[in-house]
């Protein structure tokens, strides 16, 4: 159990995180670093990221505790691991990844958030706005399978699982300080019905096909 290794590992209700670089259990630290390097090299190969200098991967062990009776664990709040307004943290060689260590692990992903999370300027309205997401996807990855995403991707873990779940989180191309960051997203999901009604009110008849009845 992660909290037996580090009593300060708790990050929110039902979830614990152990930063490998800070781990005092040297055997666990060494094993995690070996697995982390294999994980890093496989992702770099699969993504065809080539560089004269291969950077270290910043690693964390994440744990979701099992549900006990009626004490359900809520879903983790959707967040990005780095500041999505800092373009220096969104370079092409950078990525975040999760390596499955259980039979099945799950993650919730806010679709297209790596593209839409940046604050953009609307010249006509002369104000800044955030673009809306269209859906949340649930992704299952099995033991030794990995999930990799853009640094700005908004995501969150599942709650209320019957079994305790542990996975290895990796950050590639970032300073080690990212292990301490979490940026909660402030979006609402895109609502097709409301948007269709808005378009009907503001565009000439026949100029917009919503694809919806009525």
C-alpha atoms as a PDB file:
ATOM      1  CA  UNK A   1       0.000   0.000   0.000  1.00  0.00           C
ATOM      2  CA  UNK A   2       1.374   3.386  -0.985  1.00  0.00           C
ATOM      3  CA  UNK A   3       0.419   5.076   2.271  1.00  0.00           C
ATOM      4  CA  UNK A   4       2.468   2.497   4.173  1.00  0.00           C
ATOM      5  CA  UNK A   5       5.496   3.688   2.221  1.00  0.00           C
ATOM      6  CA  UNK A   6       4.674   7.400   2.554  1.00  0.00           C
ATOM      7  CA  UNK A   7       2.110   8.576   5.115  1.00  0.00           C
ATOM      8  CA  UNK A   8       1.837  11.908   3.252  1.00  0.00           C
ATOM      9  CA  UNK A   9       0.876  10.263  -0.048  1.00  0.00           C
ATOM     10  CA  UNK A  10      -2.867  11.013   0.143  1.00  0.00           C
ATOM     11  CA  UNK A  11      -3.949  13.521  -2.535  1.00  0.00           C
ATOM     12  CA  UNK A  12      -7.736  13.377  -2.235  1.00  0.00           C
ATOM     13  CA  UNK A  13     -10.465  11.087  -0.999  1.00  0.00           C
ATOM     14  CA  UNK A  14      -9.580   7.514  -1.921  1.00  0.00           C
ATOM     15  CA  UNK A  15      -6.463   8.366  -3.939  1.00  0.00           C
ATOM     16  CA  UNK A  16      -2.792   8.297  -3.042  1.00  0.00           C
ATOM     17  CA  UNK A  17       0.312   9.335  -4.960  1.00  0.00           C
ATOM     18  CA  UNK A  18       3.946   8.463  -4.373  1.00  0.00           C
ATOM     19  CA  UNK A  19       6.559  10.516  -6.240  1.00  0.00           C
ATOM     20  CA  UNK A  20       9.260   8.000  -7.140  1.00  0.00           C
ATOM     21  CA  UNK A  21      12.061  10.579  -7.042  1.00  0.00           C
ATOM     22  CA  UNK A  22      11.190  11.291  -3.391  1.00  0.00           C
ATOM     23  CA  UNK A  23      10.629   7.653  -2.360  1.00  0.00           C
ATOM     24  CA  UNK A  24      12.627   6.522   0.686  1.00  0.00           C
ATOM     25  CA  UNK A  25      12.102   2.820  -0.047  1.00  0.00           C
ATOM     26  CA  UNK A  26      15.188   2.301  -2.205  1.00  0.00           C
ATOM     27  CA  UNK A  27      14.151  -1.127  -3.531  1.00  0.00           C
ATOM     28  CA  UNK A  28      10.779   0.198  -4.677  1.00  0.00           C
ATOM     29  CA  UNK A  29      12.430   3.295  -6.137  1.00  0.00           C
ATOM     30  CA  UNK A  30      14.996   1.285  -8.141  1.00  0.00           C
ATOM     31  CA  UNK A  31      12.370  -1.116  -9.516  1.00  0.00           C
ATOM     32  CA  UNK A  32      10.047   1.736 -10.486  1.00  0.00           C
ATOM     33  CA  UNK A  33      12.873   3.531 -12.270  1.00  0.00           C
ATOM     34  CA  UNK A  34      13.798   0.396 -14.255  1.00  0.00           C
ATOM     35  CA  UNK A  35      10.167  -0.082 -15.341  1.00  0.00           C
ATOM     36  CA  UNK A  36       9.913   3.650 -16.046  1.00  0.00           C
ATOM     37  CA  UNK A  37      12.880   3.592 -18.430  1.00  0.00           C
ATOM     38  CA  UNK A  38      11.423   0.623 -20.321  1.00  0.00           C
ATOM     39  CA  UNK A  39       8.081   2.442 -20.475  1.00  0.00           C
ATOM     40  CA  UNK A  40       9.751   5.642 -21.725  1.00  0.00           C
ATOM     41  CA  UNK A  41      11.795   3.923 -24.417  1.00  0.00           C
ATOM     42  CA  UNK A  42       8.780   1.986 -25.709  1.00  0.00           C
ATOM     43  CA  UNK A  43       6.641   5.124 -25.978  1.00  0.00           C
ATOM     44  CA  UNK A  44       9.416   7.087 -27.707  1.00  0.00           C
ATOM     45  CA  UNK A  45       9.793   4.231 -30.201  1.00  0.00           C
ATOM     46  CA  UNK A  46       6.061   3.907 -30.821  1.00  0.00           C
ATOM     47  CA  UNK A  47       5.630   7.665 -31.278  1.00  0.00           C
ATOM     48  CA  UNK A  48       8.779   7.855 -33.419  1.00  0.00           C
ATOM     49  CA  UNK A  49      10.207  10.611 -31.236  1.00  0.00           C
ATOM     50  CA  UNK A  50      13.883  10.824 -32.105  1.00  0.00           C
ATOM     51  CA  UNK A  51      16.411  12.934 -30.254  1.00  0.00           C
ATOM     52  CA  UNK A  52      20.139  13.021 -29.654  1.00  0.00           C
ATOM     53  CA  UNK A  53      19.367  13.341 -25.954  1.00  0.00           C
ATOM     54  CA  UNK A  54      16.849  11.073 -24.233  1.00  0.00           C
ATOM     55  CA  UNK A  55      15.492  12.811 -21.155  1.00  0.00           C
ATOM     56  CA  UNK A  56      14.657  11.259 -17.815  1.00  0.00           C
ATOM     57  CA  UNK A  57      11.020  10.407 -17.166  1.00  0.00           C
ATOM     58  CA  UNK A  58       9.413  11.816 -14.018  1.00  0.00           C
ATOM     59  CA  UNK A  59       7.495   9.005 -12.320  1.00  0.00           C
ATOM     60  CA  UNK A  60       4.672   8.726  -9.797  1.00  0.00           C
ATOM     61  CA  UNK A  61       2.826   5.689  -8.478  1.00  0.00           C
ATOM     62  CA  UNK A  62      -0.909   6.369  -8.274  1.00  0.00           C
ATOM     63  CA  UNK A  63      -3.296   4.324  -6.160  1.00  0.00           C
ATOM     64  CA  UNK A  64      -7.089   4.288  -5.955  1.00  0.00           C
ATOM     65  CA  UNK A  65      -8.371   2.559  -2.861  1.00  0.00           C
ATOM     66  CA  UNK A  66     -11.061  -0.112  -3.127  1.00  0.00           C
ATOM     67  CA  UNK A  67     -14.642   0.758  -2.237  1.00  0.00           C
ATOM     68  CA  UNK A  68     -15.600  -0.409   1.253  1.00  0.00           C
ATOM     69  CA  UNK A  69     -19.314  -0.996   1.848  1.00  0.00           C
ATOM     70  CA  UNK A  70     -21.326   2.137   1.175  1.00  0.00           C
ATOM     71  CA  UNK A  71     -18.291   4.410   1.425  1.00  0.00           C
ATOM     72  CA  UNK A  72     -18.031   5.135  -2.278  1.00  0.00           C
ATOM     73  CA  UNK A  73     -15.009   6.908  -3.721  1.00  0.00           C
ATOM     74  CA  UNK A  74     -15.941   9.737  -6.115  1.00  0.00           C
ATOM     75  CA  UNK A  75     -14.434  10.136  -9.557  1.00  0.00           C
ATOM     76  CA  UNK A  76     -11.293  12.225  -9.557  1.00  0.00           C
ATOM     77  CA  UNK A  77     -11.860  15.820 -10.644  1.00  0.00           C
ATOM     78  CA  UNK A  78     -10.930  16.413 -14.280  1.00  0.00           C
ATOM     79  CA  UNK A  79      -7.578  18.152 -14.470  1.00  0.00           C
ATOM     80  CA  UNK A  80      -4.467  18.657 -16.546  1.00  0.00           C
ATOM     81  CA  UNK A  81      -1.052  17.875 -15.123  1.00  0.00           C
ATOM     82  CA  UNK A  82       0.549  21.091 -16.375  1.00  0.00           C
ATOM     83  CA  UNK A  83      -0.548  24.671 -16.999  1.00  0.00           C
ATOM     84  CA  UNK A  84      -2.261  24.574 -20.411  1.00  0.00           C
ATOM     85  CA  UNK A  85      -1.678  28.301 -20.894  1.00  0.00           C
ATOM     86  CA  UNK A  86       2.088  27.803 -20.781  1.00  0.00           C
ATOM     87  CA  UNK A  87       3.043  26.873 -24.336  1.00  0.00           C
ATOM     88  CA  UNK A  88       6.538  25.885 -23.202  1.00  0.00           C
ATOM     89  CA  UNK A  89       4.911  22.821 -21.616  1.00  0.00           C
ATOM     90  CA  UNK A  90       3.195  21.704 -24.823  1.00  0.00           C
ATOM     91  CA  UNK A  91       6.128  20.996 -27.122  1.00  0.00           C
ATOM     92  CA  UNK A  92       5.996  18.101 -29.577  1.00  0.00           C
ATOM     93  CA  UNK A  93       8.357  15.807 -27.675  1.00  0.00           C
ATOM     94  CA  UNK A  94       6.490  16.162 -24.371  1.00  0.00           C
ATOM     95  CA  UNK A  95       3.874  13.667 -23.176  1.00  0.00           C
ATOM     96  CA  UNK A  96       2.131  12.261 -20.141  1.00  0.00           C
ATOM     97  CA  UNK A  97       1.518   8.546 -19.804  1.00  0.00           C
ATOM     98  CA  UNK A  98      -0.024   5.842 -17.627  1.00  0.00           C
ATOM     99  CA  UNK A  99       1.227   2.268 -17.462  1.00  0.00           C
ATOM    100  CA  UNK A 100      -1.249  -0.353 -16.262  1.00  0.00           C
ATOM    101  CA  UNK A 101      -0.108  -2.476 -13.319  1.00  0.00           C
ATOM    102  CA  UNK A 102      -3.424  -4.241 -12.671  1.00  0.00           C
ATOM    103  CA  UNK A 103      -5.634  -6.543 -14.746  1.00  0.00           C
ATOM    104  CA  UNK A 104      -7.643  -3.463 -15.760  1.00  0.00           C
ATOM    105  CA  UNK A 105      -7.232   0.269 -15.158  1.00  0.00           C
ATOM    106  CA  UNK A 106      -9.522   3.085 -16.238  1.00  0.00           C
ATOM    107  CA  UNK A 107      -9.187   6.755 -17.084  1.00  0.00           C
ATOM    108  CA  UNK A 108     -11.706   9.441 -18.047  1.00  0.00           C
ATOM    109  CA  UNK A 109     -10.568  11.822 -20.782  1.00  0.00           C
ATOM    110  CA  UNK A 110     -12.070  15.140 -21.857  1.00  0.00           C
ATOM    111  CA  UNK A 111     -12.046  14.776 -25.626  1.00  0.00           C
ATOM    112  CA  UNK A 112     -10.015  17.367 -27.581  1.00  0.00           C
ATOM    113  CA  UNK A 113      -9.040  19.237 -24.419  1.00  0.00           C
ATOM    114  CA  UNK A 114      -5.382  19.292 -25.453  1.00  0.00           C
ATOM    115  CA  UNK A 115      -6.418  21.460 -28.421  1.00  0.00           C
ATOM    116  CA  UNK A 116      -9.207  23.464 -26.848  1.00  0.00           C
ATOM    117  CA  UNK A 117      -7.881  24.131 -23.377  1.00  0.00           C
ATOM    118  CA  UNK A 118      -5.899  27.191 -24.372  1.00  0.00           C
ATOM    119  CA  UNK A 119      -7.527  30.553 -23.843  1.00  0.00           C
ATOM    120  CA  UNK A 120      -8.160  32.174 -27.216  1.00  0.00           C
ATOM    121  CA  UNK A 121      -8.986  35.715 -28.235  1.00  0.00           C
ATOM    122  CA  UNK A 122     -12.301  36.368 -29.966  1.00  0.00           C
ATOM    123  CA  UNK A 123     -11.654  39.531 -32.011  1.00  0.00           C
ATOM    124  CA  UNK A 124     -15.315  40.208 -32.700  1.00  0.00           C
ATOM    125  CA  UNK A 125     -16.377  40.074 -29.065  1.00  0.00           C
ATOM    126  CA  UNK A 126     -13.052  41.423 -27.782  1.00  0.00           C
ATOM    127  CA  UNK A 127     -12.907  39.049 -24.869  1.00  0.00           C
ATOM    128  CA  UNK A 128     -11.242  35.799 -23.983  1.00  0.00           C
ATOM    129  CA  UNK A 129     -13.230  32.599 -23.911  1.00  0.00           C
ATOM    130  CA  UNK A 130     -12.772  28.889 -23.433  1.00  0.00           C
ATOM    131  CA  UNK A 131     -13.914  26.511 -26.124  1.00  0.00           C
ATOM    132  CA  UNK A 132     -16.284  23.752 -25.021  1.00  0.00           C
ATOM    133  CA  UNK A 133     -15.636  20.016 -24.946  1.00  0.00           C
ATOM    134  CA  UNK A 134     -17.940  17.603 -26.754  1.00  0.00           C
ATOM    135  CA  UNK A 135     -17.698  14.487 -24.578  1.00  0.00           C
ATOM    136  CA  UNK A 136     -15.899  12.552 -21.866  1.00  0.00           C
ATOM    137  CA  UNK A 137     -14.429   9.216 -22.961  1.00  0.00           C
ATOM    138  CA  UNK A 138     -13.803   6.258 -20.654  1.00  0.00           C
ATOM    139  CA  UNK A 139     -10.682   4.283 -21.558  1.00  0.00           C
ATOM    140  CA  UNK A 140      -9.642   0.879 -20.229  1.00  0.00           C
ATOM    141  CA  UNK A 141      -5.995  -0.207 -20.367  1.00  0.00           C
ATOM    142  CA  UNK A 142      -4.779  -3.564 -19.109  1.00  0.00           C
ATOM    143  CA  UNK A 143      -1.637  -4.695 -17.316  1.00  0.00           C
ATOM    144  CA  UNK A 144       1.480  -3.484 -19.169  1.00  0.00           C
ATOM    145  CA  UNK A 145      -0.609  -1.547 -21.671  1.00  0.00           C
ATOM    146  CA  UNK A 146      -0.103   2.180 -21.655  1.00  0.00           C
ATOM    147  CA  UNK A 147      -2.108   5.304 -22.306  1.00  0.00           C
ATOM    148  CA  UNK A 148      -0.272   8.373 -23.611  1.00  0.00           C
ATOM    149  CA  UNK A 149      -1.642  11.865 -24.074  1.00  0.00           C
ATOM    150  CA  UNK A 150      -0.717  15.461 -24.799  1.00  0.00           C
ATOM    151  CA  UNK A 151       0.422  17.382 -21.686  1.00  0.00           C
ATOM    152  CA  UNK A 152      -2.667  19.636 -21.846  1.00  0.00           C
ATOM    153  CA  UNK A 153      -5.119  16.730 -21.989  1.00  0.00           C
ATOM    154  CA  UNK A 154      -7.740  16.993 -19.248  1.00  0.00           C
ATOM    155  CA  UNK A 155      -8.323  13.667 -17.533  1.00  0.00           C
ATOM    156  CA  UNK A 156      -9.304  12.048 -14.270  1.00  0.00           C
ATOM    157  CA  UNK A 157      -9.351   8.685 -12.556  1.00  0.00           C
ATOM    158  CA  UNK A 158     -12.380   6.517 -11.824  1.00  0.00           C
ATOM    159  CA  UNK A 159     -13.852   6.107  -8.376  1.00  0.00           C
ATOM    160  CA  UNK A 160     -15.830   3.330  -6.669  1.00  0.00           C
ATOM    161  CA  UNK A 161     -13.886   0.418  -8.148  1.00  0.00           C
ATOM    162  CA  UNK A 162     -14.297  -3.006  -6.483  1.00  0.00           C
ATOM    163  CA  UNK A 163     -10.544  -3.585  -6.268  1.00  0.00           C
ATOM    164  CA  UNK A 164      -7.623  -1.385  -5.296  1.00  0.00           C
ATOM    165  CA  UNK A 165      -5.896  -0.070  -8.397  1.00  0.00           C
ATOM    166  CA  UNK A 166      -2.287   1.038  -8.927  1.00  0.00           C
ATOM    167  CA  UNK A 167      -0.709   2.488 -12.073  1.00  0.00           C
ATOM    168  CA  UNK A 168       2.570   4.166 -12.978  1.00  0.00           C
ATOM    169  CA  UNK A 169       2.314   7.757 -14.171  1.00  0.00           C
ATOM    170  CA  UNK A 170       5.090   9.194 -16.324  1.00  0.00           C
ATOM    171  CA  UNK A 171       5.867  12.746 -17.448  1.00  0.00           C
ATOM    172  CA  UNK A 172       8.357  13.046 -20.289  1.00  0.00           C
ATOM    173  CA  UNK A 173      10.216  16.218 -21.277  1.00  0.00           C
ATOM    174  CA  UNK A 174       9.277  18.213 -18.171  1.00  0.00           C
ATOM    175  CA  UNK A 175      11.181  19.476 -15.133  1.00  0.00           C
ATOM    176  CA  UNK A 176      10.738  17.300 -12.051  1.00  0.00           C
ATOM    177  CA  UNK A 177       8.590  20.016 -10.469  1.00  0.00           C
ATOM    178  CA  UNK A 178       5.588  18.932 -12.587  1.00  0.00           C
ATOM    179  CA  UNK A 179       5.033  16.046 -10.188  1.00  0.00           C
ATOM    180  CA  UNK A 180       3.667  18.623  -7.743  1.00  0.00           C
ATOM    181  CA  UNK A 181       1.244  20.285 -10.172  1.00  0.00           C
ATOM    182  CA  UNK A 182      -2.465  19.791 -10.807  1.00  0.00           C
ATOM    183  CA  UNK A 183      -4.622  22.241 -12.764  1.00  0.00           C
ATOM    184  CA  UNK A 184      -8.383  21.790 -12.482  1.00  0.00           C
ATOM    185  CA  UNK A 185     -10.368  22.522 -15.639  1.00  0.00           C
ATOM    186  CA  UNK A 186     -13.123  25.133 -15.571  1.00  0.00           C
ATOM    187  CA  UNK A 187     -15.166  23.973 -18.555  1.00  0.00           C
ATOM    188  CA  UNK A 188     -18.694  22.928 -19.242  1.00  0.00           C
ATOM    189  CA  UNK A 189     -19.509  20.239 -21.794  1.00  0.00           C
ATOM    190  CA  UNK A 190     -20.757  21.261 -25.217  1.00  0.00           C
ATOM    191  CA  UNK A 191     -24.565  20.994 -25.391  1.00  0.00           C
ATOM    192  CA  UNK A 192     -25.795  20.172 -28.914  1.00  0.00           C
ATOM    193  CA  UNK A 193     -29.438  21.010 -28.173  1.00  0.00           C
ATOM    194  CA  UNK A 194     -28.648  24.439 -26.740  1.00  0.00           C
ATOM    195  CA  UNK A 195     -26.217  25.182 -29.562  1.00  0.00           C
ATOM    196  CA  UNK A 196     -28.781  24.174 -32.192  1.00  0.00           C
ATOM    197  CA  UNK A 197     -31.350  26.497 -30.595  1.00  0.00           C
ATOM    198  CA  UNK A 198     -28.823  29.329 -30.568  1.00  0.00           C
ATOM    199  CA  UNK A 199     -27.981  28.803 -34.222  1.00  0.00           C
ATOM    200  CA  UNK A 200     -31.672  28.783 -35.199  1.00  0.00           C
ATOM    201  CA  UNK A 201     -32.180  32.128 -33.485  1.00  0.00           C
ATOM    202  CA  UNK A 202     -29.132  33.833 -34.943  1.00  0.00           C
ATOM    203  CA  UNK A 203     -28.831  32.542 -38.512  1.00  0.00           C
ATOM    204  CA  UNK A 204     -31.165  32.955 -41.504  1.00  0.00           C
ATOM    205  CA  UNK A 205     -33.558  30.063 -42.073  1.00  0.00           C
ATOM    206  CA  UNK A 206     -31.987  27.253 -44.067  1.00  0.00           C
ATOM    207  CA  UNK A 207     -28.388  28.384 -43.518  1.00  0.00           C
ATOM    208  CA  UNK A 208     -27.564  25.862 -40.792  1.00  0.00           C
ATOM    209  CA  UNK A 209     -28.269  22.127 -40.788  1.00  0.00           C
ATOM    210  CA  UNK A 210     -28.240  20.912 -37.188  1.00  0.00           C
ATOM    211  CA  UNK A 211     -28.801  17.278 -38.028  1.00  0.00           C
ATOM    212  CA  UNK A 212     -31.433  17.228 -35.275  1.00  0.00           C
ATOM    213  CA  UNK A 213     -35.175  16.732 -35.757  1.00  0.00           C
ATOM    214  CA  UNK A 214     -37.400  19.817 -35.683  1.00  0.00           C
END
